[in-house]
C-alpha atoms as a PDB file:
ATOM      1  CA  UNK A   1      47.781 -41.314  51.984  1.00  0.00           C
ATOM      2  CA  UNK A   2      44.584 -39.523  52.966  1.00  0.00           C
ATOM      3  CA  UNK A   3      42.371 -41.419  55.267  1.00  0.00           C
ATOM      4  CA  UNK A   4      39.538 -41.064  52.779  1.00  0.00           C
ATOM      5  CA  UNK A   5      41.671 -42.778  50.193  1.00  0.00           C
ATOM      6  CA  UNK A   6      41.605 -45.998  52.104  1.00  0.00           C
ATOM      7  CA  UNK A   7      39.010 -48.197  50.467  1.00  0.00           C
ATOM      8  CA  UNK A   8      37.144 -49.149  53.602  1.00  0.00           C
ATOM      9  CA  UNK A   9      36.775 -45.516  54.663  1.00  0.00           C
ATOM     10  CA  UNK A  10      36.048 -44.287  51.138  1.00  0.00           C
ATOM     11  CA  UNK A  11      33.263 -47.012  50.764  1.00  0.00           C
ATOM     12  CA  UNK A  12      31.673 -46.022  54.046  1.00  0.00           C
ATOM     13  CA  UNK A  13      31.561 -42.433  53.185  1.00  0.00           C
ATOM     14  CA  UNK A  14      30.250 -43.119  49.671  1.00  0.00           C
ATOM     15  CA  UNK A  15      27.442 -45.140  51.055  1.00  0.00           C
ATOM     16  CA  UNK A  16      26.661 -42.459  53.678  1.00  0.00           C
ATOM     17  CA  UNK A  17      26.536 -39.962  50.782  1.00  0.00           C
ATOM     18  CA  UNK A  18      24.068 -42.178  48.944  1.00  0.00           C
ATOM     19  CA  UNK A  19      21.804 -42.629  51.951  1.00  0.00           C
ATOM     20  CA  UNK A  20      21.948 -38.904  52.718  1.00  0.00           C
ATOM     21  CA  UNK A  21      20.754 -38.152  49.106  1.00  0.00           C
ATOM     22  CA  UNK A  22      17.884 -40.578  49.361  1.00  0.00           C
ATOM     23  CA  UNK A  23      16.730 -39.200  52.705  1.00  0.00           C
ATOM     24  CA  UNK A  24      16.991 -35.608  51.591  1.00  0.00           C
ATOM     25  CA  UNK A  25      14.645 -36.360  48.711  1.00  0.00           C
ATOM     26  CA  UNK A  26      12.162 -38.097  50.939  1.00  0.00           C
ATOM     27  CA  UNK A  27      12.122 -35.224  53.405  1.00  0.00           C
ATOM     28  CA  UNK A  28      11.540 -32.714  50.575  1.00  0.00           C
ATOM     29  CA  UNK A  29       8.049 -34.169  50.070  1.00  0.00           C
ATOM     30  CA  UNK A  30       7.892 -33.407  46.330  1.00  0.00           C
ATOM     31  CA  UNK A  31      10.383 -30.435  46.566  1.00  0.00           C
ATOM     32  CA  UNK A  32      13.516 -32.553  46.100  1.00  0.00           C
ATOM     33  CA  UNK A  33      15.963 -32.723  43.252  1.00  0.00           C
ATOM     34  CA  UNK A  34      13.584 -34.560  40.848  1.00  0.00           C
ATOM     35  CA  UNK A  35      10.757 -32.012  41.243  1.00  0.00           C
ATOM     36  CA  UNK A  36      13.280 -29.136  40.878  1.00  0.00           C
ATOM     37  CA  UNK A  37      14.754 -30.699  37.798  1.00  0.00           C
ATOM     38  CA  UNK A  38      11.289 -31.299  36.257  1.00  0.00           C
ATOM     39  CA  UNK A  39      10.412 -27.631  36.887  1.00  0.00           C
ATOM     40  CA  UNK A  40      13.355 -26.262  34.781  1.00  0.00           C
ATOM     41  CA  UNK A  41      12.881 -25.315  31.218  1.00  0.00           C
ATOM     42  CA  UNK A  42       9.063 -25.630  31.306  1.00  0.00           C
ATOM     43  CA  UNK A  43       8.783 -24.982  27.633  1.00  0.00           C
ATOM     44  CA  UNK A  44      10.118 -28.471  26.930  1.00  0.00           C
ATOM     45  CA  UNK A  45       7.509 -31.126  27.616  1.00  0.00           C
ATOM     46  CA  UNK A  46       8.289 -34.229  29.658  1.00  0.00           C
ATOM     47  CA  UNK A  47       7.107 -37.023  27.346  1.00  0.00           C
ATOM     48  CA  UNK A  48       8.659 -40.230  28.969  1.00  0.00           C
ATOM     49  CA  UNK A  49       8.300 -43.942  29.424  1.00  0.00           C
ATOM     50  CA  UNK A  50      10.211 -46.396  31.600  1.00  0.00           C
ATOM     51  CA  UNK A  51      12.342 -49.112  30.304  1.00  0.00           C
ATOM     52  CA  UNK A  52      14.559 -51.881  31.792  1.00  0.00           C
ATOM     53  CA  UNK A  53      17.614 -52.890  29.815  1.00  0.00           C
ATOM     54  CA  UNK A  54      19.133 -56.421  30.403  1.00  0.00           C
ATOM     55  CA  UNK A  55      22.922 -56.622  30.911  1.00  0.00           C
ATOM     56  CA  UNK A  56      25.262 -59.203  32.265  1.00  0.00           C
ATOM     57  CA  UNK A  57      26.062 -56.846  35.258  1.00  0.00           C
ATOM     58  CA  UNK A  58      22.516 -56.116  36.335  1.00  0.00           C
ATOM     59  CA  UNK A  59      19.278 -54.886  34.779  1.00  0.00           C
ATOM     60  CA  UNK A  60      19.514 -51.161  34.061  1.00  0.00           C
ATOM     61  CA  UNK A  61      16.458 -49.025  34.552  1.00  0.00           C
ATOM     62  CA  UNK A  62      16.175 -46.103  32.000  1.00  0.00           C
ATOM     63  CA  UNK A  63      13.835 -43.253  31.341  1.00  0.00           C
ATOM     64  CA  UNK A  64      13.029 -42.771  27.639  1.00  0.00           C
ATOM     65  CA  UNK A  65      12.457 -39.224  26.603  1.00  0.00           C
ATOM     66  CA  UNK A  66      10.451 -38.897  23.355  1.00  0.00           C
ATOM     67  CA  UNK A  67      10.570 -36.168  20.840  1.00  0.00           C
ATOM     68  CA  UNK A  68       7.399 -34.584  19.732  1.00  0.00           C
ATOM     69  CA  UNK A  69       5.346 -36.648  17.264  1.00  0.00           C
ATOM     70  CA  UNK A  70       6.347 -36.051  13.592  1.00  0.00           C
ATOM     71  CA  UNK A  71       4.152 -33.722  11.641  1.00  0.00           C
ATOM     72  CA  UNK A  72       5.052 -34.451   8.018  1.00  0.00           C
ATOM     73  CA  UNK A  73       4.880 -37.707   5.927  1.00  0.00           C
ATOM     74  CA  UNK A  74       8.606 -37.592   5.481  1.00  0.00           C
ATOM     75  CA  UNK A  75       9.443 -37.512   9.172  1.00  0.00           C
ATOM     76  CA  UNK A  76       6.690 -39.817  10.100  1.00  0.00           C
ATOM     77  CA  UNK A  77       8.101 -42.602   8.032  1.00  0.00           C
ATOM     78  CA  UNK A  78      11.476 -42.481   9.649  1.00  0.00           C
ATOM     79  CA  UNK A  79      12.217 -43.564  13.209  1.00  0.00           C
ATOM     80  CA  UNK A  80      14.078 -40.859  15.027  1.00  0.00           C
ATOM     81  CA  UNK A  81      17.831 -41.190  16.111  1.00  0.00           C
ATOM     82  CA  UNK A  82      18.625 -42.167  19.681  1.00  0.00           C
ATOM     83  CA  UNK A  83      20.963 -40.597  22.188  1.00  0.00           C
ATOM     84  CA  UNK A  84      22.094 -42.472  25.324  1.00  0.00           C
ATOM     85  CA  UNK A  85      22.799 -40.228  28.374  1.00  0.00           C
ATOM     86  CA  UNK A  86      24.836 -41.334  31.415  1.00  0.00           C
ATOM     87  CA  UNK A  87      24.407 -39.090  34.447  1.00  0.00           C
ATOM     88  CA  UNK A  88      27.131 -37.628  36.650  1.00  0.00           C
ATOM     89  CA  UNK A  89      27.835 -38.304  40.304  1.00  0.00           C
ATOM     90  CA  UNK A  90      31.473 -39.384  40.685  1.00  0.00           C
ATOM     91  CA  UNK A  91      30.638 -42.964  39.747  1.00  0.00           C
ATOM     92  CA  UNK A  92      28.974 -43.241  43.259  1.00  0.00           C
ATOM     93  CA  UNK A  93      25.841 -41.089  43.241  1.00  0.00           C
ATOM     94  CA  UNK A  94      22.654 -41.973  41.376  1.00  0.00           C
ATOM     95  CA  UNK A  95      21.624 -38.706  39.819  1.00  0.00           C
ATOM     96  CA  UNK A  96      19.489 -39.574  36.821  1.00  0.00           C
ATOM     97  CA  UNK A  97      16.824 -37.000  37.633  1.00  0.00           C
ATOM     98  CA  UNK A  98      19.382 -34.173  37.679  1.00  0.00           C
ATOM     99  CA  UNK A  99      19.756 -34.635  33.842  1.00  0.00           C
ATOM    100  CA  UNK A 100      16.008 -34.377  33.212  1.00  0.00           C
ATOM    101  CA  UNK A 101      16.292 -30.795  31.888  1.00  0.00           C
ATOM    102  CA  UNK A 102      19.150 -31.866  29.545  1.00  0.00           C
ATOM    103  CA  UNK A 103      17.233 -34.895  28.287  1.00  0.00           C
ATOM    104  CA  UNK A 104      14.012 -32.933  27.622  1.00  0.00           C
ATOM    105  CA  UNK A 105      16.014 -30.226  25.941  1.00  0.00           C
ATOM    106  CA  UNK A 106      17.792 -32.618  23.626  1.00  0.00           C
ATOM    107  CA  UNK A 107      14.558 -34.609  22.772  1.00  0.00           C
ATOM    108  CA  UNK A 108      12.833 -31.370  21.706  1.00  0.00           C
ATOM    109  CA  UNK A 109      15.825 -29.458  20.096  1.00  0.00           C
ATOM    110  CA  UNK A 110      17.767 -32.377  18.436  1.00  0.00           C
ATOM    111  CA  UNK A 111      14.591 -34.405  17.561  1.00  0.00           C
ATOM    112  CA  UNK A 112      16.120 -37.525  19.164  1.00  0.00           C
ATOM    113  CA  UNK A 113      14.933 -40.149  21.551  1.00  0.00           C
ATOM    114  CA  UNK A 114      16.956 -39.839  24.716  1.00  0.00           C
ATOM    115  CA  UNK A 115      17.617 -42.873  26.872  1.00  0.00           C
ATOM    116  CA  UNK A 116      18.557 -41.644  30.344  1.00  0.00           C
ATOM    117  CA  UNK A 117      20.319 -44.603  32.117  1.00  0.00           C
ATOM    118  CA  UNK A 118      20.353 -45.461  35.712  1.00  0.00           C
ATOM    119  CA  UNK A 119      23.586 -47.515  35.618  1.00  0.00           C
ATOM    120  CA  UNK A 120      25.232 -49.389  38.479  1.00  0.00           C
ATOM    121  CA  UNK A 121      27.467 -47.294  40.838  1.00  0.00           C
ATOM    122  CA  UNK A 122      30.322 -47.872  43.172  1.00  0.00           C
ATOM    123  CA  UNK A 123      31.210 -49.010  45.850  1.00  0.00           C
ATOM    124  CA  UNK A 124      28.574 -51.634  45.269  1.00  0.00           C
ATOM    125  CA  UNK A 125      29.709 -52.068  41.681  1.00  0.00           C
ATOM    126  CA  UNK A 126      33.312 -50.848  41.189  1.00  0.00           C
ATOM    127  CA  UNK A 127      35.191 -50.776  38.059  1.00  0.00           C
ATOM    128  CA  UNK A 128      34.964 -52.424  35.549  1.00  0.00           C
ATOM    129  CA  UNK A 129      31.288 -53.150  36.167  1.00  0.00           C
ATOM    130  CA  UNK A 130      29.870 -49.733  35.092  1.00  0.00           C
ATOM    131  CA  UNK A 131      31.992 -49.496  31.948  1.00  0.00           C
ATOM    132  CA  UNK A 132      31.012 -53.009  30.864  1.00  0.00           C
ATOM    133  CA  UNK A 133      27.291 -52.356  31.653  1.00  0.00           C
ATOM    134  CA  UNK A 134      27.314 -49.064  29.781  1.00  0.00           C
ATOM    135  CA  UNK A 135      28.796 -50.791  26.695  1.00  0.00           C
ATOM    136  CA  UNK A 136      26.145 -53.571  26.746  1.00  0.00           C
ATOM    137  CA  UNK A 137      23.521 -50.996  27.172  1.00  0.00           C
ATOM    138  CA  UNK A 138      24.572 -49.170  24.120  1.00  0.00           C
ATOM    139  CA  UNK A 139      24.887 -52.445  22.130  1.00  0.00           C
ATOM    140  CA  UNK A 140      21.312 -53.393  23.291  1.00  0.00           C
ATOM    141  CA  UNK A 141      19.897 -49.987  22.282  1.00  0.00           C
ATOM    142  CA  UNK A 142      21.471 -50.281  18.877  1.00  0.00           C
ATOM    143  CA  UNK A 143      20.009 -53.702  18.325  1.00  0.00           C
ATOM    144  CA  UNK A 144      16.491 -53.005  19.642  1.00  0.00           C
ATOM    145  CA  UNK A 145      15.627 -49.924  17.580  1.00  0.00           C
ATOM    146  CA  UNK A 146      12.810 -51.725  15.447  1.00  0.00           C
ATOM    147  CA  UNK A 147      11.081 -52.917  18.635  1.00  0.00           C
ATOM    148  CA  UNK A 148      11.404 -49.699  20.600  1.00  0.00           C
ATOM    149  CA  UNK A 149      10.673 -47.085  17.958  1.00  0.00           C
ATOM    150  CA  UNK A 150      14.088 -45.531  17.352  1.00  0.00           C
ATOM    151  CA  UNK A 151      16.793 -45.810  14.701  1.00  0.00           C
ATOM    152  CA  UNK A 152      19.622 -47.824  16.351  1.00  0.00           C
ATOM    153  CA  UNK A 153      21.841 -47.106  13.357  1.00  0.00           C
ATOM    154  CA  UNK A 154      21.803 -43.423  14.075  1.00  0.00           C
ATOM    155  CA  UNK A 155      22.967 -43.601  17.712  1.00  0.00           C
ATOM    156  CA  UNK A 156      25.045 -41.189  19.931  1.00  0.00           C
ATOM    157  CA  UNK A 157      26.211 -41.422  23.474  1.00  0.00           C
ATOM    158  CA  UNK A 158      27.120 -38.772  25.985  1.00  0.00           C
ATOM    159  CA  UNK A 159      27.305 -37.750  29.640  1.00  0.00           C
ATOM    160  CA  UNK A 160      28.102 -35.130  32.158  1.00  0.00           C
ATOM    161  CA  UNK A 161      30.961 -35.568  34.724  1.00  0.00           C
ATOM    162  CA  UNK A 162      31.299 -39.306  35.457  1.00  0.00           C
ATOM    163  CA  UNK A 163      28.729 -39.867  32.763  1.00  0.00           C
ATOM    164  CA  UNK A 164      31.138 -38.349  30.297  1.00  0.00           C
ATOM    165  CA  UNK A 165      33.861 -40.670  31.502  1.00  0.00           C
ATOM    166  CA  UNK A 166      31.520 -43.641  30.847  1.00  0.00           C
ATOM    167  CA  UNK A 167      30.597 -42.259  27.396  1.00  0.00           C
ATOM    168  CA  UNK A 168      34.359 -42.121  26.598  1.00  0.00           C
ATOM    169  CA  UNK A 169      34.799 -45.691  27.889  1.00  0.00           C
ATOM    170  CA  UNK A 170      31.906 -46.815  25.654  1.00  0.00           C
ATOM    171  CA  UNK A 171      33.487 -45.280  22.601  1.00  0.00           C
ATOM    172  CA  UNK A 172      36.716 -46.980  23.414  1.00  0.00           C
ATOM    173  CA  UNK A 173      35.070 -50.413  23.769  1.00  0.00           C
ATOM    174  CA  UNK A 174      33.276 -49.760  20.455  1.00  0.00           C
ATOM    175  CA  UNK A 175      36.577 -49.145  18.891  1.00  0.00           C
ATOM    176  CA  UNK A 176      38.263 -52.131  20.486  1.00  0.00           C
ATOM    177  CA  UNK A 177      35.508 -54.539  20.022  1.00  0.00           C
ATOM    178  CA  UNK A 178      34.081 -53.529  16.721  1.00  0.00           C
ATOM    179  CA  UNK A 179      30.765 -51.937  17.235  1.00  0.00           C
ATOM    180  CA  UNK A 180      27.999 -50.883  17.364  1.00  0.00           C
ATOM    181  CA  UNK A 181      28.291 -47.733  15.322  1.00  0.00           C
ATOM    182  CA  UNK A 182      28.392 -44.478  17.350  1.00  0.00           C
ATOM    183  CA  UNK A 183      27.878 -41.292  15.435  1.00  0.00           C
ATOM    184  CA  UNK A 184      28.977 -38.970  18.166  1.00  0.00           C
ATOM    185  CA  UNK A 185      30.298 -39.058  21.736  1.00  0.00           C
ATOM    186  CA  UNK A 186      29.491 -35.990  23.830  1.00  0.00           C
ATOM    187  CA  UNK A 187      31.891 -35.592  26.868  1.00  0.00           C
ATOM    188  CA  UNK A 188      30.649 -32.872  29.109  1.00  0.00           C
ATOM    189  CA  UNK A 189      33.223 -31.780  31.798  1.00  0.00           C
ATOM    190  CA  UNK A 190      34.407 -35.522  32.157  1.00  0.00           C
ATOM    191  CA  UNK A 191      36.933 -37.059  34.525  1.00  0.00           C
ATOM    192  CA  UNK A 192      39.493 -38.654  32.135  1.00  0.00           C
ATOM    193  CA  UNK A 193      42.501 -39.061  34.339  1.00  0.00           C
ATOM    194  CA  UNK A 194      41.952 -40.839  37.712  1.00  0.00           C
ATOM    195  CA  UNK A 195      45.548 -41.994  37.714  1.00  0.00           C
ATOM    196  CA  UNK A 196      46.710 -38.445  38.561  1.00  0.00           C
ATOM    197  CA  UNK A 197      46.222 -37.449  42.177  1.00  0.00           C
ATOM    198  CA  UNK A 198      43.668 -34.625  42.512  1.00  0.00           C
ATOM    199  CA  UNK A 199      46.139 -32.768  44.611  1.00  0.00           C
ATOM    200  CA  UNK A 200      48.490 -32.455  41.585  1.00  0.00           C
ATOM    201  CA  UNK A 201      45.718 -31.011  39.429  1.00  0.00           C
ATOM    202  CA  UNK A 202      45.234 -27.250  39.198  1.00  0.00           C
ATOM    203  CA  UNK A 203      42.104 -25.177  38.663  1.00  0.00           C
ATOM    204  CA  UNK A 204      41.901 -21.539  37.505  1.00  0.00           C
ATOM    205  CA  UNK A 205      40.257 -20.557  40.857  1.00  0.00           C
ATOM    206  CA  UNK A 206      41.337 -20.991  44.382  1.00  0.00           C
ATOM    207  CA  UNK A 207      38.288 -22.981  45.520  1.00  0.00           C
ATOM    208  CA  UNK A 208      36.834 -25.018  42.670  1.00  0.00           C
ATOM    209  CA  UNK A 209      33.720 -27.130  43.261  1.00  0.00           C
ATOM    210  CA  UNK A 210      35.618 -30.475  43.090  1.00  0.00           C
ATOM    211  CA  UNK A 211      37.930 -30.830  46.059  1.00  0.00           C
ATOM    212  CA  UNK A 212      40.740 -33.521  46.631  1.00  0.00           C
ATOM    213  CA  UNK A 213      38.731 -35.129  49.368  1.00  0.00           C
ATOM    214  CA  UNK A 214      35.864 -35.761  46.969  1.00  0.00           C
ATOM    215  CA  UNK A 215      38.347 -37.365  44.555  1.00  0.00           C
ATOM    216  CA  UNK A 216      39.588 -39.565  47.319  1.00  0.00           C
ATOM    217  CA  UNK A 217      36.088 -40.846  48.056  1.00  0.00           C
ATOM    218  CA  UNK A 218      34.860 -41.156  44.434  1.00  0.00           C
ATOM    219  CA  UNK A 219      38.061 -42.570  42.933  1.00  0.00           C
ATOM    220  CA  UNK A 220      38.825 -45.018  45.644  1.00  0.00           C
ATOM    221  CA  UNK A 221      35.247 -46.287  45.656  1.00  0.00           C
ATOM    222  CA  UNK A 222      35.268 -46.649  41.874  1.00  0.00           C
ATOM    223  CA  UNK A 223      38.767 -48.151  41.424  1.00  0.00           C
ATOM    224  CA  UNK A 224      40.112 -49.283  44.837  1.00  0.00           C
ATOM    225  CA  UNK A 225      43.377 -50.586  43.372  1.00  0.00           C
ATOM    226  CA  UNK A 226      45.434 -47.547  42.383  1.00  0.00           C
ATOM    227  CA  UNK A 227      47.310 -49.579  39.860  1.00  0.00           C
ATOM    228  CA  UNK A 228      44.104 -50.004  37.771  1.00  0.00           C
ATOM    229  CA  UNK A 229      43.441 -46.312  37.552  1.00  0.00           C
ATOM    230  CA  UNK A 230      45.644 -45.921  34.486  1.00  0.00           C
ATOM    231  CA  UNK A 231      43.327 -48.399  32.549  1.00  0.00           C
ATOM    232  CA  UNK A 232      42.286 -46.708  29.254  1.00  0.00           C
ATOM    233  CA  UNK A 233      38.637 -47.019  30.238  1.00  0.00           C
ATOM    234  CA  UNK A 234      39.284 -44.990  33.303  1.00  0.00           C
ATOM    235  CA  UNK A 235      42.076 -42.625  32.308  1.00  0.00           C
ATOM    236  CA  UNK A 236      42.308 -42.146  28.593  1.00  0.00           C
ATOM    237  CA  UNK A 237      43.856 -38.714  29.177  1.00  0.00           C
ATOM    238  CA  UNK A 238      46.803 -40.073  31.236  1.00  0.00           C
ATOM    239  CA  UNK A 239      50.158 -40.167  29.507  1.00  0.00           C
ATOM    240  CA  UNK A 240      50.309 -43.954  29.981  1.00  0.00           C
ATOM    241  CA  UNK A 241      47.657 -44.476  27.351  1.00  0.00           C
ATOM    242  CA  UNK A 242      49.407 -44.233  24.027  1.00  0.00           C
ATOM    243  CA  UNK A 243      47.112 -46.408  21.926  1.00  0.00           C
ATOM    244  CA  UNK A 244      46.176 -45.305  18.418  1.00  0.00           C
ATOM    245  CA  UNK A 245      42.612 -43.842  18.562  1.00  0.00           C
ATOM    246  CA  UNK A 246      42.134 -43.607  14.804  1.00  0.00           C
ATOM    247  CA  UNK A 247      38.613 -44.794  14.083  1.00  0.00           C
ATOM    248  CA  UNK A 248      37.084 -43.859  17.449  1.00  0.00           C
ATOM    249  CA  UNK A 249      33.688 -42.203  17.355  1.00  0.00           C
ATOM    250  CA  UNK A 250      33.631 -38.534  16.623  1.00  0.00           C
ATOM    251  CA  UNK A 251      33.652 -36.391  19.772  1.00  0.00           C
ATOM    252  CA  UNK A 252      32.406 -33.160  21.141  1.00  0.00           C
ATOM    253  CA  UNK A 253      34.412 -32.290  24.296  1.00  0.00           C
ATOM    254  CA  UNK A 254      33.034 -29.557  26.594  1.00  0.00           C
ATOM    255  CA  UNK A 255      35.210 -28.259  29.464  1.00  0.00           C
ATOM    256  CA  UNK A 256      34.607 -25.607  32.067  1.00  0.00           C
ATOM    257  CA  UNK A 257      37.152 -22.783  32.599  1.00  0.00           C
ATOM    258  CA  UNK A 258      37.313 -23.099  36.342  1.00  0.00           C
ATOM    259  CA  UNK A 259      36.951 -26.854  36.629  1.00  0.00           C
ATOM    260  CA  UNK A 260      39.628 -28.922  38.238  1.00  0.00           C
ATOM    261  CA  UNK A 261      39.145 -31.367  35.429  1.00  0.00           C
ATOM    262  CA  UNK A 262      39.606 -28.941  32.679  1.00  0.00           C
ATOM    263  CA  UNK A 263      43.239 -29.882  31.751  1.00  0.00           C
ATOM    264  CA  UNK A 264      42.559 -33.546  31.324  1.00  0.00           C
ATOM    265  CA  UNK A 265      39.591 -32.691  29.073  1.00  0.00           C
ATOM    266  CA  UNK A 266      41.789 -30.474  27.064  1.00  0.00           C
ATOM    267  CA  UNK A 267      44.428 -33.222  26.823  1.00  0.00           C
ATOM    268  CA  UNK A 268      42.036 -35.761  25.654  1.00  0.00           C
ATOM    269  CA  UNK A 269      40.620 -33.375  23.079  1.00  0.00           C
ATOM    270  CA  UNK A 270      44.078 -33.056  21.757  1.00  0.00           C
ATOM    271  CA  UNK A 271      44.402 -36.837  21.513  1.00  0.00           C
ATOM    272  CA  UNK A 272      41.085 -37.019  19.635  1.00  0.00           C
ATOM    273  CA  UNK A 273      42.100 -34.247  17.368  1.00  0.00           C
ATOM    274  CA  UNK A 274      45.344 -36.102  16.444  1.00  0.00           C
ATOM    275  CA  UNK A 275      43.202 -39.162  15.613  1.00  0.00           C
ATOM    276  CA  UNK A 276      40.977 -37.064  13.388  1.00  0.00           C
ATOM    277  CA  UNK A 277      37.977 -37.697  15.672  1.00  0.00           C
ATOM    278  CA  UNK A 278      37.441 -34.205  17.396  1.00  0.00           C
ATOM    279  CA  UNK A 279      34.435 -32.448  15.844  1.00  0.00           C
ATOM    280  CA  UNK A 280      34.633 -29.711  18.553  1.00  0.00           C
ATOM    281  CA  UNK A 281      36.118 -28.553  21.820  1.00  0.00           C
ATOM    282  CA  UNK A 282      34.094 -25.888  23.621  1.00  0.00           C
ATOM    283  CA  UNK A 283      35.342 -24.320  26.919  1.00  0.00           C
ATOM    284  CA  UNK A 284      32.565 -22.643  28.955  1.00  0.00           C
ATOM    285  CA  UNK A 285      34.005 -19.300  30.104  1.00  0.00           C
ATOM    286  CA  UNK A 286      33.569 -18.449  33.820  1.00  0.00           C
ATOM    287  CA  UNK A 287      32.088 -21.846  34.586  1.00  0.00           C
ATOM    288  CA  UNK A 288      33.002 -24.505  37.222  1.00  0.00           C
ATOM    289  CA  UNK A 289      32.251 -28.235  37.303  1.00  0.00           C
ATOM    290  CA  UNK A 290      28.482 -28.854  37.207  1.00  0.00           C
ATOM    291  CA  UNK A 291      27.715 -25.281  36.257  1.00  0.00           C
ATOM    292  CA  UNK A 292      24.587 -26.240  34.242  1.00  0.00           C
ATOM    293  CA  UNK A 293      22.819 -27.467  37.374  1.00  0.00           C
ATOM    294  CA  UNK A 294      22.290 -23.895  38.585  1.00  0.00           C
ATOM    295  CA  UNK A 295      22.944 -21.508  35.681  1.00  0.00           C
ATOM    296  CA  UNK A 296      20.141 -21.678  33.266  1.00  0.00           C
ATOM    297  CA  UNK A 297      21.693 -19.216  30.840  1.00  0.00           C
ATOM    298  CA  UNK A 298      24.956 -21.164  30.371  1.00  0.00           C
ATOM    299  CA  UNK A 299      23.018 -24.420  30.487  1.00  0.00           C
ATOM    300  CA  UNK A 300      20.751 -23.364  27.607  1.00  0.00           C
ATOM    301  CA  UNK A 301      23.836 -22.236  25.588  1.00  0.00           C
ATOM    302  CA  UNK A 302      25.640 -25.499  25.992  1.00  0.00           C
ATOM    303  CA  UNK A 303      22.548 -27.709  25.632  1.00  0.00           C
ATOM    304  CA  UNK A 304      21.810 -25.877  22.292  1.00  0.00           C
ATOM    305  CA  UNK A 305      25.409 -26.639  21.087  1.00  0.00           C
ATOM    306  CA  UNK A 306      25.001 -30.252  21.970  1.00  0.00           C
ATOM    307  CA  UNK A 307      21.687 -30.460  20.212  1.00  0.00           C
ATOM    308  CA  UNK A 308      23.159 -28.835  17.094  1.00  0.00           C
ATOM    309  CA  UNK A 309      25.901 -31.348  17.034  1.00  0.00           C
ATOM    310  CA  UNK A 310      23.504 -34.285  17.552  1.00  0.00           C
ATOM    311  CA  UNK A 311      21.376 -33.149  14.656  1.00  0.00           C
ATOM    312  CA  UNK A 312      24.526 -32.865  12.484  1.00  0.00           C
ATOM    313  CA  UNK A 313      25.794 -36.330  13.480  1.00  0.00           C
ATOM    314  CA  UNK A 314      22.514 -38.113  13.059  1.00  0.00           C
ATOM    315  CA  UNK A 315      20.895 -36.163  10.221  1.00  0.00           C
ATOM    316  CA  UNK A 316      17.873 -35.627  12.554  1.00  0.00           C
ATOM    317  CA  UNK A 317      15.080 -33.821  10.793  1.00  0.00           C
ATOM    318  CA  UNK A 318      12.947 -31.528  13.108  1.00  0.00           C
ATOM    319  CA  UNK A 319       9.388 -30.516  12.155  1.00  0.00           C
END
């Protein structure tokens, strides 16, 4: 066993990474990750408001991105659909601002309200706390549409990396617990098999962005008990999960050609296809995990694909 796979060590390293991220942003004096994210895609305005969502785990802060105001009587009368976004970060890092370009893009191009959620992370809140909180957030958003100005009956969920894993877990809980209705789940280079050791996974390139030591820290912090890593809310792409997925929310699965997680994304896409729930599987050529953080061309192409699927799933009408 790797030293980093020991819970006490993994938790120490994870907390150090969290502190380092906060300190780096403070030292940047306005030039940190938030400012850099806000500067990308300047043609999409940042129209936001803050919101706190109550859950049994902990209150969840969220940034709500608003589409441009309707310009016709037909669109003015209808509340826009709502998309809930869960950020990445290995279930350990709080990286909500990194997804700011994506949220602005989707609000503008898909005509949806985007709720970008600051969910609880490990090791302070290990599994199953994040998955339960994510489900309760989705349920709250579905129920509060009239008060908040969106249509909770036209709801989608999605996320990048760990956020995609949470979106998949939400869709599974919706299936098992009977609601609320989710029109689409968007799984963007998600981790879907924590039960398989990262050293047994293969990438298309020699040095992919994700390394085994990262998996040791993230996976151990998130699910310290290795026996629980085959839980369907953690590893729906692992062979041990054989449940019937018929009736699960329709899914768009996006993988990256060079990503260490590509194979598990493809396996899960196959499960969803067999259940009649796959609306699309797109593999981003020449890309590695987290590619959209520094490749504006590929990011725009993928975000446009997501926006199109959101419009189709929700019947969004842009002005």
